[in-house]
All heavy atoms as atom14 arrays in JSON, in Angstrom:
{
  "sequence": "KELFESASIDGAGPTKAFFKILLPLGMPGIVCT",
  "atom14_mask": [
    [1, 1, 1, 1, 1, 1, 1, 1, 1, 0, 0, 0, 0, 0],
    [1, 1, 1, 1, 1, 1, 1, 1, 1, 0, 0, 0, 0, 0],
    [1, 1, 1, 1, 1, 1, 1, 1, 0, 0, 0, 0, 0, 0],
    [1, 1, 1, 1, 1, 1, 1, 1, 1, 1, 1, 0, 0, 0],
    [1, 1, 1, 1, 1, 1, 1, 1, 1, 0, 0, 0, 0, 0],
    [1, 1, 1, 1, 1, 1, 0, 0, 0, 0, 0, 0, 0, 0],
    [1, 1, 1, 1, 1, 0, 0, 0, 0, 0, 0, 0, 0, 0],
    [1, 1, 1, 1, 1, 1, 0, 0, 0, 0, 0, 0, 0, 0],
    [1, 1, 1, 1, 1, 1, 1, 1, 0, 0, 0, 0, 0, 0],
    [1, 1, 1, 1, 1, 1, 1, 1, 0, 0, 0, 0, 0, 0],
    [1, 1, 1, 1, 0, 0, 0, 0, 0, 0, 0, 0, 0, 0],
    [1, 1, 1, 1, 1, 0, 0, 0, 0, 0, 0, 0, 0, 0],
    [1, 1, 1, 1, 0, 0, 0, 0, 0, 0, 0, 0, 0, 0],
    [1, 1, 1, 1, 1, 1, 1, 0, 0, 0, 0, 0, 0, 0],
    [1, 1, 1, 1, 1, 1, 1, 0, 0, 0, 0, 0, 0, 0],
    [1, 1, 1, 1, 1, 1, 1, 1, 1, 0, 0, 0, 0, 0],
    [1, 1, 1, 1, 1, 0, 0, 0, 0, 0, 0, 0, 0, 0],
    [1, 1, 1, 1, 1, 1, 1, 1, 1, 1, 1, 0, 0, 0],
    [1, 1, 1, 1, 1, 1, 1, 1, 1, 1, 1, 0, 0, 0],
    [1, 1, 1, 1, 1, 1, 1, 1, 1, 0, 0, 0, 0, 0],
    [1, 1, 1, 1, 1, 1, 1, 1, 0, 0, 0, 0, 0, 0],
    [1, 1, 1, 1, 1, 1, 1, 1, 0, 0, 0, 0, 0, 0],
    [1, 1, 1, 1, 1, 1, 1, 1, 0, 0, 0, 0, 0, 0],
    [1, 1, 1, 1, 1, 1, 1, 0, 0, 0, 0, 0, 0, 0],
    [1, 1, 1, 1, 1, 1, 1, 1, 0, 0, 0, 0, 0, 0],
    [1, 1, 1, 1, 0, 0, 0, 0, 0, 0, 0, 0, 0, 0],
    [1, 1, 1, 1, 1, 1, 1, 1, 0, 0, 0, 0, 0, 0],
    [1, 1, 1, 1, 1, 1, 1, 0, 0, 0, 0, 0, 0, 0],
    [1, 1, 1, 1, 0, 0, 0, 0, 0, 0, 0, 0, 0, 0],
    [1, 1, 1, 1, 1, 1, 1, 1, 0, 0, 0, 0, 0, 0],
    [1, 1, 1, 1, 1, 1, 1, 0, 0, 0, 0, 0, 0, 0],
    [1, 1, 1, 1, 1, 1, 0, 0, 0, 0, 0, 0, 0, 0],
    [1, 1, 1, 1, 1, 1, 1, 0, 0, 0, 0, 0, 0, 0]
  ],
  "atom14_positions": [
    [[0.82, -1.21, 0.0], [0.0, 0.0, 0.0], [0.86, 1.26, 0.0], [0.4, 2.34, -0.39], [-0.92, -0.01, 1.23], [-2.0, -1.07, 1.18], [-2.96, -0.95, 2.36], [-4.06, -2.02, 2.27], [-5.01, -1.91, 3.41], [0.0, 0.0, 0.0], [0.0, 0.0, 0.0], [0.0, 0.0, 0.0], [0.0, 0.0, 0.0], [0.0, 0.0, 0.0]],
    [[2.12, 1.1, 0.45], [3.02, 2.25, 0.49], [3.23, 2.85, -0.9], [3.47, 4.06, -1.04], [4.36, 1.85, 1.09], [4.33, 1.53, 2.57], [3.77, 0.16, 2.87], [3.59, -0.64, 1.91], [3.5, -0.14, 4.04], [0.0, 0.0, 0.0], [0.0, 0.0, 0.0], [0.0, 0.0, 0.0], [0.0, 0.0, 0.0], [0.0, 0.0, 0.0]],
    [[3.15, 2.01, -1.93], [3.31, 2.5, -3.3], [2.21, 3.5, -3.65], [2.47, 4.54, -4.28], [3.3, 1.34, -4.29], [4.46, 0.34, -4.21], [4.23, -0.83, -5.15], [5.78, 1.04, -4.55], [0.0, 0.0, 0.0], [0.0, 0.0, 0.0], [0.0, 0.0, 0.0], [0.0, 0.0, 0.0], [0.0, 0.0, 0.0], [0.0, 0.0, 0.0]],
    [[1.0, 3.21, -3.24], [-0.13, 4.1, -3.53], [-0.06, 5.36, -2.66], [-0.43, 6.45, -3.12], [-1.45, 3.36, -3.3], [-1.64, 2.19, -4.22], [-1.23, 0.91, -3.85], [-2.2, 2.37, -5.47], [-1.41, -0.16, -4.71], [-2.37, 1.29, -6.34], [-1.97, 0.02, -5.95], [0.0, 0.0, 0.0], [0.0, 0.0, 0.0], [0.0, 0.0, 0.0]],
    [[0.42, 5.2, -1.44], [0.58, 6.37, -0.57], [1.64, 7.32, -1.13], [1.46, 8.54, -1.12], [0.95, 5.92, 0.84], [-0.16, 5.15, 1.54], [0.28, 4.54, 2.86], [1.49, 4.69, 3.22], [-0.55, 3.9, 3.54], [0.0, 0.0, 0.0], [0.0, 0.0, 0.0], [0.0, 0.0, 0.0], [0.0, 0.0, 0.0], [0.0, 0.0, 0.0]],
    [[2.74, 6.75, -1.62], [3.8, 7.58, -2.23], [3.28, 8.27, -3.48], [3.57, 9.45, -3.71], [5.0, 6.7, -2.59], [5.54, 6.09, -1.43], [0.0, 0.0, 0.0], [0.0, 0.0, 0.0], [0.0, 0.0, 0.0], [0.0, 0.0, 0.0], [0.0, 0.0, 0.0], [0.0, 0.0, 0.0], [0.0, 0.0, 0.0], [0.0, 0.0, 0.0]],
    [[2.49, 7.53, -4.28], [1.93, 8.12, -5.5], [0.98, 9.25, -5.16], [0.93, 10.29, -5.85], [1.21, 7.04, -6.32], [0.0, 0.0, 0.0], [0.0, 0.0, 0.0], [0.0, 0.0, 0.0], [0.0, 0.0, 0.0], [0.0, 0.0, 0.0], [0.0, 0.0, 0.0], [0.0, 0.0, 0.0], [0.0, 0.0, 0.0], [0.0, 0.0, 0.0]],
    [[0.22, 9.08, -4.08], [-0.72, 10.12, -3.66], [0.02, 11.38, -3.21], [-0.39, 12.51, -3.52], [-1.59, 9.6, -2.52], [-2.48, 10.59, -2.07], [0.0, 0.0, 0.0], [0.0, 0.0, 0.0], [0.0, 0.0, 0.0], [0.0, 0.0, 0.0], [0.0, 0.0, 0.0], [0.0, 0.0, 0.0], [0.0, 0.0, 0.0], [0.0, 0.0, 0.0]],
    [[1.15, 11.17, -2.5], [1.96, 12.32, -2.06], [2.54, 13.06, -3.26], [2.65, 14.29, -3.27], [3.09, 11.83, -1.13], [2.5, 11.3, 0.18], [4.09, 12.96, -0.84], [3.5, 10.64, 1.09], [0.0, 0.0, 0.0], [0.0, 0.0, 0.0], [0.0, 0.0, 0.0], [0.0, 0.0, 0.0], [0.0, 0.0, 0.0], [0.0, 0.0, 0.0]],
    [[2.88, 12.3, -4.3], [3.45, 12.91, -5.52], [2.38, 13.54, -6.41], [2.69, 14.06, -7.48], [4.2, 11.86, -6.33], [5.47, 11.4, -5.61], [5.96, 12.17, -4.76], [5.94, 10.28, -5.89], [0.0, 0.0, 0.0], [0.0, 0.0, 0.0], [0.0, 0.0, 0.0], [0.0, 0.0, 0.0], [0.0, 0.0, 0.0], [0.0, 0.0, 0.0]],
    [[1.14, 13.47, -5.98], [0.07, 14.15, -6.72], [-0.72, 13.25, -7.65], [-1.58, 13.75, -8.4], [0.0, 0.0, 0.0], [0.0, 0.0, 0.0], [0.0, 0.0, 0.0], [0.0, 0.0, 0.0], [0.0, 0.0, 0.0], [0.0, 0.0, 0.0], [0.0, 0.0, 0.0], [0.0, 0.0, 0.0], [0.0, 0.0, 0.0], [0.0, 0.0, 0.0]],
    [[-0.49, 11.95, -7.62], [-1.23, 11.03, -8.48], [-2.58, 10.71, -7.87], [-2.68, 10.36, -6.68], [-0.44, 9.74, -8.69], [0.0, 0.0, 0.0], [0.0, 0.0, 0.0], [0.0, 0.0, 0.0], [0.0, 0.0, 0.0], [0.0, 0.0, 0.0], [0.0, 0.0, 0.0], [0.0, 0.0, 0.0], [0.0, 0.0, 0.0], [0.0, 0.0, 0.0]],
    [[-3.64, 10.84, -8.64], [-4.97, 10.52, -8.17], [-5.24, 9.02, -8.24], [-4.4, 8.24, -8.72], [0.0, 0.0, 0.0], [0.0, 0.0, 0.0], [0.0, 0.0, 0.0], [0.0, 0.0, 0.0], [0.0, 0.0, 0.0], [0.0, 0.0, 0.0], [0.0, 0.0, 0.0], [0.0, 0.0, 0.0], [0.0, 0.0, 0.0], [0.0, 0.0, 0.0]],
    [[-6.4, 8.58, -7.76], [-6.73, 7.15, -7.77], [-6.7, 6.52, -9.17], [-6.24, 5.39, -9.32], [-8.15, 7.12, -7.2], [-8.26, 8.37, -6.39], [-7.43, 9.39, -7.11], [0.0, 0.0, 0.0], [0.0, 0.0, 0.0], [0.0, 0.0, 0.0], [0.0, 0.0, 0.0], [0.0, 0.0, 0.0], [0.0, 0.0, 0.0], [0.0, 0.0, 0.0]],
    [[-7.17, 7.27, -10.16], [-7.2, 6.73, -11.53], [-5.79, 6.52, -12.07], [-5.48, 5.47, -12.65], [-7.98, 7.67, -12.47], [-9.29, 7.88, -11.95], [-8.07, 7.06, -13.86], [0.0, 0.0, 0.0], [0.0, 0.0, 0.0], [0.0, 0.0, 0.0], [0.0, 0.0, 0.0], [0.0, 0.0, 0.0], [0.0, 0.0, 0.0], [0.0, 0.0, 0.0]],
    [[-4.94, 7.52, -11.86], [-3.56, 7.41, -12.33], [-2.83, 6.29, -11.6], [-2.05, 5.53, -12.2], [-2.82, 8.73, -12.13], [-1.43, 8.76, -12.76], [-0.8, 10.13, -12.65], [0.57, 10.14, -13.33], [1.21, 11.49, -13.23], [0.0, 0.0, 0.0], [0.0, 0.0, 0.0], [0.0, 0.0, 0.0], [0.0, 0.0, 0.0], [0.0, 0.0, 0.0]],
    [[-3.07, 6.16, -10.29], [-2.43, 5.09, -9.52], [-2.89, 3.71, -10.02], [-2.1, 2.76, -10.04], [-2.77, 5.25, -8.04], [0.0, 0.0, 0.0], [0.0, 0.0, 0.0], [0.0, 0.0, 0.0], [0.0, 0.0, 0.0], [0.0, 0.0, 0.0], [0.0, 0.0, 0.0], [0.0, 0.0, 0.0], [0.0, 0.0, 0.0], [0.0, 0.0, 0.0]],
    [[-4.15, 3.63, -10.42], [-4.67, 2.37, -10.95], [-3.9, 1.95, -12.2], [-3.46, 0.8, -12.32], [-6.16, 2.51, -11.25], [-6.77, 1.29, -11.88], [-7.22, 0.24, -11.1], [-6.88, 1.19, -13.26], [-7.78, -0.89, -11.67], [-7.44, 0.06, -13.85], [-7.89, -0.99, -13.06], [0.0, 0.0, 0.0], [0.0, 0.0, 0.0], [0.0, 0.0, 0.0]],
    [[-3.75, 2.87, -13.13], [-3.13, 2.52, -14.41], [-1.6, 2.45, -14.32], [-0.97, 1.65, -15.04], [-3.52, 3.55, -15.48], [-4.95, 3.42, -15.93], [-5.92, 4.29, -15.49], [-5.32, 2.39, -16.8], [-7.24, 4.16, -15.91], [-6.63, 2.25, -17.22], [-7.6, 3.14, -16.76], [0.0, 0.0, 0.0], [0.0, 0.0, 0.0], [0.0, 0.0, 0.0]],
    [[-0.99, 3.23, -13.44], [0.47, 3.28, -13.37], [1.07, 2.27, -12.38], [2.21, 1.82, -12.55], [0.93, 4.69, -12.98], [0.62, 5.75, -14.02], [1.4, 5.54, -15.31], [1.16, 6.67, -16.3], [1.92, 6.47, -17.55], [0.0, 0.0, 0.0], [0.0, 0.0, 0.0], [0.0, 0.0, 0.0], [0.0, 0.0, 0.0], [0.0, 0.0, 0.0]],
    [[0.31, 1.91, -11.36], [0.85, 1.02, -10.32], [0.13, -0.32, -10.3], [0.75, -1.38, -10.4], [0.76, 1.68, -8.92], [1.57, 2.98, -8.89], [1.24, 0.73, -7.84], [1.43, 3.77, -7.61], [0.0, 0.0, 0.0], [0.0, 0.0, 0.0], [0.0, 0.0, 0.0], [0.0, 0.0, 0.0], [0.0, 0.0, 0.0], [0.0, 0.0, 0.0]],
    [[-1.18, -0.26, -10.17], [-1.93, -1.5, -10.0], [-1.87, -2.4, -11.23], [-1.63, -3.62, -11.12], [-3.38, -1.2, -9.65], [-4.21, -2.45, -9.33], [-3.85, -2.98, -7.96], [-5.69, -2.16, -9.41], [0.0, 0.0, 0.0], [0.0, 0.0, 0.0], [0.0, 0.0, 0.0], [0.0, 0.0, 0.0], [0.0, 0.0, 0.0], [0.0, 0.0, 0.0]],
    [[-2.11, -1.83, -12.41], [-2.13, -2.66, -13.62], [-0.81, -3.39, -13.87], [-0.81, -4.6, -14.12], [-2.52, -1.82, -14.84], [-4.01, -1.6, -15.07], [-4.25, -0.89, -16.39], [-4.79, -2.9, -15.04], [0.0, 0.0, 0.0], [0.0, 0.0, 0.0], [0.0, 0.0, 0.0], [0.0, 0.0, 0.0], [0.0, 0.0, 0.0], [0.0, 0.0, 0.0]],
    [[0.35, -2.7, -13.83], [1.61, -3.43, -14.07], [1.87, -4.52, -13.02], [2.27, -5.63, -13.37], [2.68, -2.33, -14.01], [1.95, -1.07, -14.31], [0.59, -1.24, -13.72], [0.0, 0.0, 0.0], [0.0, 0.0, 0.0], [0.0, 0.0, 0.0], [0.0, 0.0, 0.0], [0.0, 0.0, 0.0], [0.0, 0.0, 0.0], [0.0, 0.0, 0.0]],
    [[1.67, -4.19, -11.74], [1.96, -5.16, -10.68], [0.86, -6.22, -10.53], [1.13, -7.34, -10.12], [2.15, -4.44, -9.34], [3.34, -3.49, -9.25], [3.41, -2.83, -7.88], [4.65, -4.24, -9.54], [0.0, 0.0, 0.0], [0.0, 0.0, 0.0], [0.0, 0.0, 0.0], [0.0, 0.0, 0.0], [0.0, 0.0, 0.0], [0.0, 0.0, 0.0]],
    [[-0.36, -5.85, -10.88], [-1.47, -6.78, -10.72], [-1.79, -7.58, -11.96], [-2.73, -8.38, -11.95], [0.0, 0.0, 0.0], [0.0, 0.0, 0.0], [0.0, 0.0, 0.0], [0.0, 0.0, 0.0], [0.0, 0.0, 0.0], [0.0, 0.0, 0.0], [0.0, 0.0, 0.0], [0.0, 0.0, 0.0], [0.0, 0.0, 0.0], [0.0, 0.0, 0.0]],
    [[-1.01, -7.39, -13.04], [-1.31, -8.07, -14.29], [-1.35, -9.59, -14.18], [-2.21, -10.24, -14.8], [-0.3, -7.64, -15.37], [-0.68, -8.09, -16.77], [-2.33, -7.54, -17.28], [-2.09, -5.77, -17.4], [0.0, 0.0, 0.0], [0.0, 0.0, 0.0], [0.0, 0.0, 0.0], [0.0, 0.0, 0.0], [0.0, 0.0, 0.0], [0.0, 0.0, 0.0]],
    [[-0.44, -10.24, -13.43], [-0.55, -11.7, -13.3], [-1.9, -12.14, -12.75], [-2.49, -13.1, -13.23], [0.59, -12.05, -12.33], [1.58, -10.96, -12.51], [0.78, -9.72, -12.77], [0.0, 0.0, 0.0], [0.0, 0.0, 0.0], [0.0, 0.0, 0.0], [0.0, 0.0, 0.0], [0.0, 0.0, 0.0], [0.0, 0.0, 0.0], [0.0, 0.0, 0.0]],
    [[-2.4, -11.44, -11.74], [-3.71, -11.78, -11.19], [-4.83, -11.52, -12.17], [-5.8, -12.29, -12.25], [0.0, 0.0, 0.0], [0.0, 0.0, 0.0], [0.0, 0.0, 0.0], [0.0, 0.0, 0.0], [0.0, 0.0, 0.0], [0.0, 0.0, 0.0], [0.0, 0.0, 0.0], [0.0, 0.0, 0.0], [0.0, 0.0, 0.0], [0.0, 0.0, 0.0]],
    [[-4.71, -10.45, -12.93], [-5.73, -10.12, -13.93], [-5.75, -11.17, -15.05], [-6.81, -11.62, -15.49], [-5.48, -8.71, -14.5], [-5.69, -7.66, -13.41], [-6.4, -8.43, -15.69], [-5.3, -6.25, -13.81], [0.0, 0.0, 0.0], [0.0, 0.0, 0.0], [0.0, 0.0, 0.0], [0.0, 0.0, 0.0], [0.0, 0.0, 0.0], [0.0, 0.0, 0.0]],
    [[-4.56, -11.57, -15.5], [-4.47, -12.59, -16.55], [-5.02, -13.92, -16.06], [-5.77, -14.6, -16.77], [-3.0, -12.75, -17.02], [-2.87, -13.95, -17.95], [-2.53, -11.49, -17.72], [0.0, 0.0, 0.0], [0.0, 0.0, 0.0], [0.0, 0.0, 0.0], [0.0, 0.0, 0.0], [0.0, 0.0, 0.0], [0.0, 0.0, 0.0], [0.0, 0.0, 0.0]],
    [[-4.67, -14.29, -14.85], [-5.17, -15.54, -14.27], [-6.69, -15.53, -14.2], [-7.36, -16.5, -14.55], [-4.58, -15.73, -12.88], [-5.17, -17.2, -12.02], [0.0, 0.0, 0.0], [0.0, 0.0, 0.0], [0.0, 0.0, 0.0], [0.0, 0.0, 0.0], [0.0, 0.0, 0.0], [0.0, 0.0, 0.0], [0.0, 0.0, 0.0], [0.0, 0.0, 0.0]],
    [[-7.26, -14.4, -13.76], [-8.71, -14.26, -13.67], [-9.35, -14.32, -15.05], [-10.4, -14.96, -15.24], [-9.07, -12.94, -12.99], [-8.45, -12.89, -11.7], [-10.56, -12.79, -12.83], [0.0, 0.0, 0.0], [0.0, 0.0, 0.0], [0.0, 0.0, 0.0], [0.0, 0.0, 0.0], [0.0, 0.0, 0.0], [0.0, 0.0, 0.0], [0.0, 0.0, 0.0]]
  ]
}
């Protein structure tokens, strides 16, 4: 969660954090699903 907190401090909103952080790191889970 620290990645999202750091992104929020740097000015990234929830949408940007989703596409820039969650999608790259969460892609294995998304592909599996």
